[in-house]
Protein backbone atom coordinates (compact mmCIF):
# COMPACT_ATOMS: atom_id res chain seq x y z
CA UNK A 1 -0.01 -0.17 -0.11
CA UNK A 2 1.48 3.30 -0.83
CA UNK A 3 1.05 5.35 2.27
CA UNK A 4 0.63 9.10 1.12
CA UNK A 5 -1.82 11.98 2.24
CA UNK A 6 -4.07 12.81 -0.16
CA UNK A 7 -3.52 16.31 -0.43
CA UNK A 8 0.42 15.61 -1.01
CA UNK A 9 -0.92 12.86 -3.64
CA UNK A 10 -3.45 15.68 -5.50
CA UNK A 11 -0.37 18.05 -5.35
CA UNK A 12 1.86 15.22 -7.29
CA UNK A 13 -1.02 14.85 -10.19
CA UNK A 14 -1.32 18.42 -10.62
CA UNK A 15 2.16 18.85 -11.19
CA UNK A 16 2.57 15.77 -13.52
CA UNK A 17 -0.57 16.64 -15.05
CA UNK A 18 0.69 19.97 -16.41
CA UNK A 19 3.57 18.49 -17.63
CA UNK A 20 1.73 15.70 -19.51
CA UNK A 21 -0.74 18.34 -20.79
CA UNK A 22 1.64 21.48 -21.56
CA UNK A 23 3.11 20.00 -24.91
CA UNK A 24 -0.61 19.53 -26.64
CA UNK A 25 -2.20 22.03 -24.45
CA UNK A 26 -0.07 25.10 -23.40
CA UNK A 27 -0.68 27.64 -21.08
CA UNK A 28 -3.44 25.63 -18.72
CA UNK A 29 -4.53 26.61 -15.69
CA UNK A 30 -4.79 23.53 -13.31
CA UNK A 31 -6.12 24.21 -9.75
CA UNK A 32 -6.74 21.65 -6.84
CA UNK A 33 -10.07 22.85 -4.23
CA UNK A 34 -12.24 21.18 -2.19
CA UNK A 35 -15.75 20.74 -3.25
CA UNK A 36 -18.63 20.12 -0.65
CA UNK A 37 -20.96 17.69 -1.04
CA UNK A 38 -24.34 16.92 0.96
CA UNK A 39 -23.53 15.40 3.98
CA UNK A 40 -20.39 16.96 5.17
CA UNK A 41 -18.41 15.34 2.35
CA UNK A 42 -15.44 17.11 0.63
CA UNK A 43 -14.12 15.98 -2.55
CA UNK A 44 -10.94 16.92 -3.80
CA UNK A 45 -11.64 18.80 -7.28
CA UNK A 46 -8.90 19.45 -9.71
CA UNK A 47 -10.26 21.71 -12.51
CA UNK A 48 -8.36 22.49 -16.00
CA UNK A 49 -9.28 25.75 -17.68
CA UNK A 50 -7.78 26.24 -21.14
CA UNK A 51 -6.95 30.02 -21.85
CA UNK A 52 -9.79 31.99 -23.00
CA UNK A 53 -12.21 29.40 -22.25
CA UNK A 54 -15.08 29.85 -19.76
CA UNK A 55 -15.60 26.23 -19.08
CA UNK A 56 -13.10 24.26 -16.43
CA UNK A 57 -13.90 20.62 -16.14
CA UNK A 58 -13.46 19.16 -12.73
CA UNK A 59 -12.24 15.86 -12.05
CA UNK A 60 -12.44 14.51 -8.85
CA UNK A 61 -9.46 12.88 -7.32
CA UNK A 62 -10.65 10.57 -4.66
CA UNK A 63 -11.42 7.50 -5.95
CA UNK A 64 -7.90 7.93 -7.76
CA UNK A 65 -6.10 8.31 -4.14
CA UNK A 66 -7.75 4.96 -2.99
CA UNK A 67 -6.60 3.15 -6.32
CA UNK A 68 -3.20 4.82 -5.63
CA UNK A 69 -2.96 3.30 -2.02
CA UNK A 70 -4.15 -0.18 -2.99
CA UNK A 71 -1.31 -0.06 -5.68
CA UNK A 72 -2.37 1.59 -8.98
CA UNK A 73 0.57 3.35 -10.74
CA UNK A 74 0.98 7.15 -10.75
CA UNK A 75 1.67 6.55 -14.77
CA UNK A 76 -1.83 4.49 -15.11
CA UNK A 77 -3.67 7.34 -12.97
CA UNK A 78 -2.09 10.23 -15.16
CA UNK A 79 -3.08 8.03 -18.27
CA UNK A 80 -6.69 8.17 -17.37
CA UNK A 81 -6.72 11.69 -16.18
CA UNK A 82 -5.07 12.89 -19.59
CA UNK A 83 -8.09 10.80 -21.65
CA UNK A 84 -10.59 12.19 -19.73
CA UNK A 85 -9.53 15.53 -20.39
CA UNK A 86 -8.84 15.27 -24.06
CA UNK A 87 -12.48 13.63 -24.48
CA UNK A 88 -13.93 16.49 -22.33
CA UNK A 89 -11.71 19.07 -24.24
CA UNK A 90 -13.91 17.84 -27.52
CA UNK A 91 -17.23 17.49 -25.94
CA UNK A 92 -17.24 20.68 -23.62
CA UNK A 93 -18.73 23.41 -25.62
CA UNK A 94 -17.85 26.96 -24.70
CA UNK A 95 -21.34 28.52 -22.57
CA UNK A 96 -21.99 31.96 -22.59
CA UNK A 97 -22.16 32.39 -18.95
CA UNK A 98 -22.72 36.20 -19.27
CA UNK A 99 -25.87 35.20 -21.00
CA UNK A 100 -27.06 32.76 -17.83
CA UNK A 101 -27.01 35.76 -15.55
CA UNK A 102 -30.34 37.20 -17.34
CA UNK A 103 -33.11 35.54 -15.12
CA UNK A 104 -35.35 35.43 -18.23
CA UNK A 105 -32.75 33.71 -20.14
CA UNK A 106 -32.05 30.85 -17.88
CA UNK A 107 -35.80 30.85 -16.22
CA UNK A 108 -36.81 28.07 -19.13
CA UNK A 109 -33.64 25.74 -18.07
CA UNK A 110 -34.13 25.49 -14.36
CA UNK A 111 -34.40 22.13 -12.89
CA UNK A 112 -34.32 20.62 -9.20
CA UNK A 113 -32.93 17.56 -7.57
CA UNK A 114 -33.29 15.72 -4.70
CA UNK A 115 -30.28 15.38 -2.21
CA UNK A 116 -30.10 14.06 1.82
CA UNK A 117 -30.23 16.86 3.75
CA UNK A 118 -29.79 15.07 7.52
CA UNK A 119 -26.31 16.61 8.08
CA UNK A 120 -27.39 19.87 7.14
CA UNK A 121 -26.29 22.41 10.36
CA UNK A 122 -22.49 23.43 9.65
CA UNK A 123 -22.40 21.48 6.04
CA UNK A 124 -20.22 23.88 3.66
CA UNK A 125 -22.27 22.57 1.06
CA UNK A 126 -25.56 24.55 2.03
CA UNK A 127 -23.79 27.55 2.84
CA UNK A 128 -24.00 28.70 -0.73
CA UNK A 129 -26.66 27.18 -2.39
CA UNK A 130 -30.70 27.44 -1.73
CA UNK A 131 -32.30 24.40 -0.62
CA UNK A 132 -36.44 23.52 -0.11
CA UNK A 133 -36.72 21.38 2.78
CA UNK A 134 -39.32 18.50 2.24
CA UNK A 135 -41.07 18.71 5.45
CA UNK A 136 -40.64 15.61 7.75
CA UNK A 137 -38.10 14.03 5.39
CA UNK A 138 -34.58 13.72 5.08
CA UNK A 139 -35.15 15.04 1.47
CA UNK A 140 -34.15 18.81 0.23
CA UNK A 141 -34.42 19.90 -3.56
CA UNK A 142 -31.46 21.99 -4.77
CA UNK A 143 -31.09 23.70 -8.10
CA UNK A 144 -29.26 23.80 -11.29
CA UNK A 145 -29.30 25.53 -14.69
CA UNK A 146 -29.68 22.51 -17.05
CA UNK A 147 -27.37 23.38 -20.32
CA UNK A 148 -28.39 20.14 -22.18
CA UNK A 149 -30.34 22.60 -24.57
CA UNK A 150 -27.53 24.48 -25.05
CA UNK A 151 -24.88 21.84 -25.64
CA UNK A 152 -26.44 18.49 -26.23
CA UNK A 153 -24.71 17.24 -23.22
CA UNK A 154 -25.68 16.25 -19.64
CA UNK A 155 -23.99 19.70 -17.91
CA UNK A 156 -25.55 21.94 -15.52
CA UNK A 157 -24.64 24.92 -13.32
CA UNK A 158 -25.45 25.17 -9.97
CA UNK A 159 -27.55 27.80 -8.88
CA UNK A 160 -25.96 29.41 -5.35
CA UNK A 161 -27.02 32.43 -3.72
CA UNK A 162 -24.84 34.94 -5.52
CA UNK A 163 -26.69 33.93 -8.91
CA UNK A 164 -30.28 34.23 -7.05
CA UNK A 165 -29.17 37.67 -6.04
CA UNK A 166 -28.04 38.74 -9.25
CA UNK A 167 -31.52 37.22 -10.90
CA UNK A 168 -32.94 38.74 -7.75
CA UNK A 169 -35.54 36.00 -7.38
CA UNK A 170 -36.76 33.96 -4.32
CA UNK A 171 -36.36 30.26 -3.50
CA UNK A 172 -39.89 30.16 -4.18
CA UNK A 173 -39.59 31.47 -7.38
CA UNK A 174 -36.68 28.52 -7.48
CA UNK A 175 -38.70 25.82 -6.96
CA UNK A 176 -41.77 27.03 -8.62
CA UNK A 177 -39.85 27.52 -11.91
CA UNK A 178 -37.91 23.88 -11.51
CA UNK A 179 -41.38 22.10 -10.79
CA UNK A 180 -42.57 23.54 -14.28
CA UNK A 181 -39.90 22.74 -16.53
CA UNK A 182 -38.63 19.40 -14.76
CA UNK A 183 -41.22 17.23 -16.55
CA UNK A 184 -40.24 18.68 -19.90
CA UNK A 185 -36.58 18.92 -19.72
CA UNK A 186 -36.25 15.59 -17.89
CA UNK A 187 -39.15 13.76 -18.74
CA UNK A 188 -40.04 10.84 -16.43
CA UNK A 189 -39.10 7.10 -17.08
CA UNK A 190 -40.59 4.40 -15.62
CA UNK A 191 -40.57 0.46 -15.92
CA UNK A 192 -40.70 -3.00 -14.37
CA UNK A 193 -37.38 -3.93 -12.46
CA UNK A 194 -36.63 -6.52 -14.71
CA UNK A 195 -36.79 -4.46 -17.99
CA UNK A 196 -34.53 -1.95 -16.11
CA UNK A 197 -32.13 -4.78 -15.40
CA UNK A 198 -31.69 -5.38 -19.05
CA UNK A 199 -30.81 -2.04 -19.39
CA UNK A 200 -26.90 -1.12 -18.67
CA UNK A 201 -27.83 3.00 -18.87
CA UNK A 202 -29.01 2.16 -15.69
CA UNK A 203 -25.53 1.68 -14.21
CA UNK A 204 -24.03 4.99 -13.80
CA UNK A 205 -21.13 6.72 -12.70
CA UNK A 206 -20.89 8.97 -10.16
CA UNK A 207 -18.75 11.95 -9.15
CA UNK A 208 -16.30 10.14 -7.70
CA UNK A 209 -15.96 7.16 -10.88
CA UNK A 210 -17.63 4.17 -8.78
CA UNK A 211 -20.46 2.55 -11.01
CA UNK A 212 -23.86 2.82 -8.73
CA UNK A 213 -25.92 -0.09 -9.01
CA UNK A 214 -28.59 0.51 -6.65
CA UNK A 215 -31.53 -1.29 -8.53
CA UNK A 216 -29.52 -4.44 -9.13
CA UNK A 217 -28.52 -4.60 -5.40
CA UNK A 218 -31.80 -3.98 -3.60
CA UNK A 219 -33.41 -6.06 -6.53
CA UNK A 220 -30.90 -8.94 -4.90
CA UNK A 221 -32.24 -8.15 -1.29
CA UNK A 222 -35.80 -8.97 -2.17
CA UNK A 223 -35.17 -11.52 -4.07
CA UNK A 224 -36.73 -10.16 -7.25
CA UNK A 225 -35.86 -13.47 -9.49
CA UNK A 226 -37.41 -15.64 -7.42
CA UNK A 227 -40.63 -13.76 -7.87
CA UNK A 228 -40.75 -12.34 -11.47
CA UNK A 229 -44.19 -11.75 -10.83
CA UNK A 230 -43.73 -8.76 -8.63
CA UNK A 231 -44.72 -5.83 -9.99
CA UNK A 232 -41.90 -3.77 -8.68
CA UNK A 233 -41.17 -0.60 -10.38
CA UNK A 234 -38.28 2.00 -11.28
CA UNK A 235 -39.02 5.79 -11.49
CA UNK A 236 -36.17 7.82 -12.94
CA UNK A 237 -35.97 10.62 -16.03
CA UNK A 238 -34.89 9.79 -19.43
CA UNK A 239 -31.44 10.71 -18.57
CA UNK A 240 -31.61 8.18 -15.81
CA UNK A 241 -29.60 10.87 -13.76
CA UNK A 242 -30.66 12.46 -10.34
CA UNK A 243 -34.34 11.18 -11.21
CA UNK A 244 -35.45 10.18 -7.60
CA UNK A 245 -37.48 13.60 -7.68
CA UNK A 246 -39.77 12.36 -11.11
CA UNK A 247 -41.87 10.52 -8.40
CA UNK A 248 -43.21 14.06 -7.94
CA UNK A 249 -43.86 15.20 -11.08
CA UNK A 250 -47.67 15.68 -11.55
CA UNK A 251 -49.99 12.76 -12.60
CA UNK A 252 -47.00 10.14 -12.24
CA UNK A 253 -48.26 8.70 -9.06
CA UNK A 254 -51.20 8.02 -10.53
CA UNK A 255 -50.46 6.57 -13.49
CA UNK A 256 -48.35 3.75 -11.48
CA UNK A 257 -51.43 3.67 -8.81
CA UNK A 258 -53.41 2.28 -11.91
CA UNK A 259 -50.74 0.15 -13.24
CA UNK A 260 -50.88 -1.45 -9.75
CA UNK A 261 -54.49 -0.85 -9.05
CA UNK A 262 -53.20 -0.18 -5.15
CA UNK A 263 -51.46 2.25 -3.41
CA UNK A 264 -47.58 1.53 -3.28
CA UNK A 265 -44.65 2.55 -0.91
CA UNK A 266 -41.52 4.40 -2.85
CA UNK A 267 -38.31 3.10 -1.74
CA UNK A 268 -35.41 5.80 -2.52
CA UNK A 269 -33.17 3.52 -3.76
CA UNK A 270 -30.69 6.61 -4.80
CA UNK A 271 -30.96 10.41 -5.67
CA UNK A 272 -31.00 8.61 -9.25
CA UNK A 273 -34.40 6.56 -8.82
CA UNK A 274 -36.80 5.36 -6.86
CA UNK A 275 -38.76 2.30 -6.53
CA UNK A 276 -42.54 1.44 -5.86
CA UNK A 277 -43.72 -1.66 -4.35
CA UNK A 278 -47.85 -2.26 -3.86
CA UNK A 279 -48.32 -1.96 -0.64
CA UNK A 280 -49.83 -5.77 -0.40
CA UNK A 281 -46.55 -7.09 -1.14
CA UNK A 282 -44.87 -6.56 1.68
CA UNK A 283 -44.86 -3.88 4.75
CA UNK A 284 -42.68 -0.55 5.10
CA UNK A 285 -40.48 -2.09 7.95
CA UNK A 286 -39.38 -5.12 5.89
CA UNK A 287 -38.78 -2.31 3.12
CA UNK A 288 -37.13 -0.01 5.34
CA UNK A 289 -34.61 -3.25 6.51
CA UNK A 290 -33.84 -3.45 2.68
CA UNK A 291 -33.64 0.28 1.94
CA UNK A 292 -31.04 0.68 4.97
CA UNK A 293 -28.76 -2.36 4.20
CA UNK A 294 -28.27 -0.83 0.52
CA UNK A 295 -27.64 2.23 1.23
CA UNK A 296 -25.06 1.50 4.02
CA UNK A 297 -23.14 -1.41 2.29
CA UNK A 298 -23.67 -0.51 -2.08
CA UNK A 299 -24.56 3.02 -2.54
CA UNK A 300 -21.79 5.71 -2.87
CA UNK A 301 -21.79 8.55 -0.43
CA UNK A 302 -22.93 11.16 -3.14
CA UNK A 303 -25.76 9.00 -4.20
CA UNK A 304 -26.97 8.36 -0.78
CA UNK A 305 -30.75 9.64 -0.72
CA UNK A 306 -32.21 8.69 2.79
CA UNK A 307 -32.89 5.88 5.18
CA UNK A 308 -36.47 6.18 4.85
CA UNK A 309 -39.86 4.38 2.79
CA UNK A 310 -42.58 6.74 1.82
CA UNK A 311 -45.71 7.02 0.32
CA UNK A 312 -47.87 9.84 -0.94
CA UNK A 313 -50.43 11.42 1.25
CA UNK A 314 -52.44 14.37 -0.35
CA UNK A 315 -50.00 14.49 -3.15
CA UNK A 316 -46.86 15.01 -0.85
CA UNK A 317 -43.99 12.29 -0.71
CA UNK A 318 -44.34 11.19 3.59
CA UNK A 319 -42.53 8.94 5.85
CA UNK A 320 -44.97 5.35 5.50
CA UNK A 321 -43.62 4.82 9.23
CA UNK A 322 -43.76 7.06 12.15
CA UNK A 323 -40.57 8.14 13.93
CA UNK A 324 -41.16 5.85 16.50
CA UNK A 325 -42.37 3.35 14.22
CA UNK A 326 -39.03 3.74 12.33
CA UNK A 327 -37.01 3.44 14.81
CA UNK A 328 -38.17 0.09 16.57
CA UNK A 329 -38.08 -1.22 12.49
CA UNK A 330 -34.34 -0.20 12.43
CA UNK A 331 -33.36 -1.53 15.92
CA UNK A 332 -34.90 -4.83 15.38
CA UNK A 333 -33.80 -5.22 11.76
CA UNK A 334 -36.64 -6.91 10.49
CA UNK A 335 -35.48 -9.76 8.39
CA UNK A 336 -37.08 -10.70 4.90
């Protein structure tokens, strides 16, 4: 094992990467910075900006650091980062950032996504970004400018308080705008879990390069292959990214309820999707044990949403168990 601090590792990568890229890409600006994520997570980001460019792609080094300590060579890591930058250099277009400071220009592209807010007090991620809290849950909504319509690529620009001040809008304005835009910009997609498991696009790489397999692992935990007739549905968006919020789109709950012919529980399998299970098939206590086990053994920290099971009440996402019931279920770890 290579014993080295992540700061020393990051400094070394920065210097060597600059040497590797300078011949083909002169005068690059490479910076290291900590990037706060929900849950008090700080990732080590390395940004690379070409002269005159308004875009600086960020590469997270945390997973590379882990692999380096486990024996991966520095040369292999540098080769991977060089290839990643070359891909970005060809794919990432120039963005007219000045126009994005105009609210009327940006408004049609505002979207929201679910995040975990359980560690919010003192969390640096929330000191710069507006958050809409979903009352009674550990879920919040943060907002981005979806640049897909400009670029044809899945790029976003985070909405922070500075941008809000420039726009002279409120959090309520953001919330209402995102609610209107989301079904159009990121349409809902849902299917049976069996069909979703056949679709390899459901397995994404998260911000640290780790493959997310939440659907697959959760399906295995409830032994879905043994009971193929069990009508479990996965709800996400057509991009298969940050799609858990799509369960709240107008009409989605009603459509799935029509399929089940009954009410259903909602399992937050990650920030990217949720699973829907008919209430007649299992209890919320049993499903909670599945959710918590997968969350703490499989889901990456940046994809984690919450340890809970939900249902719809009066059109709102609400916990299926009271706080006392939830604590008791977690304490007894109800087996399936």
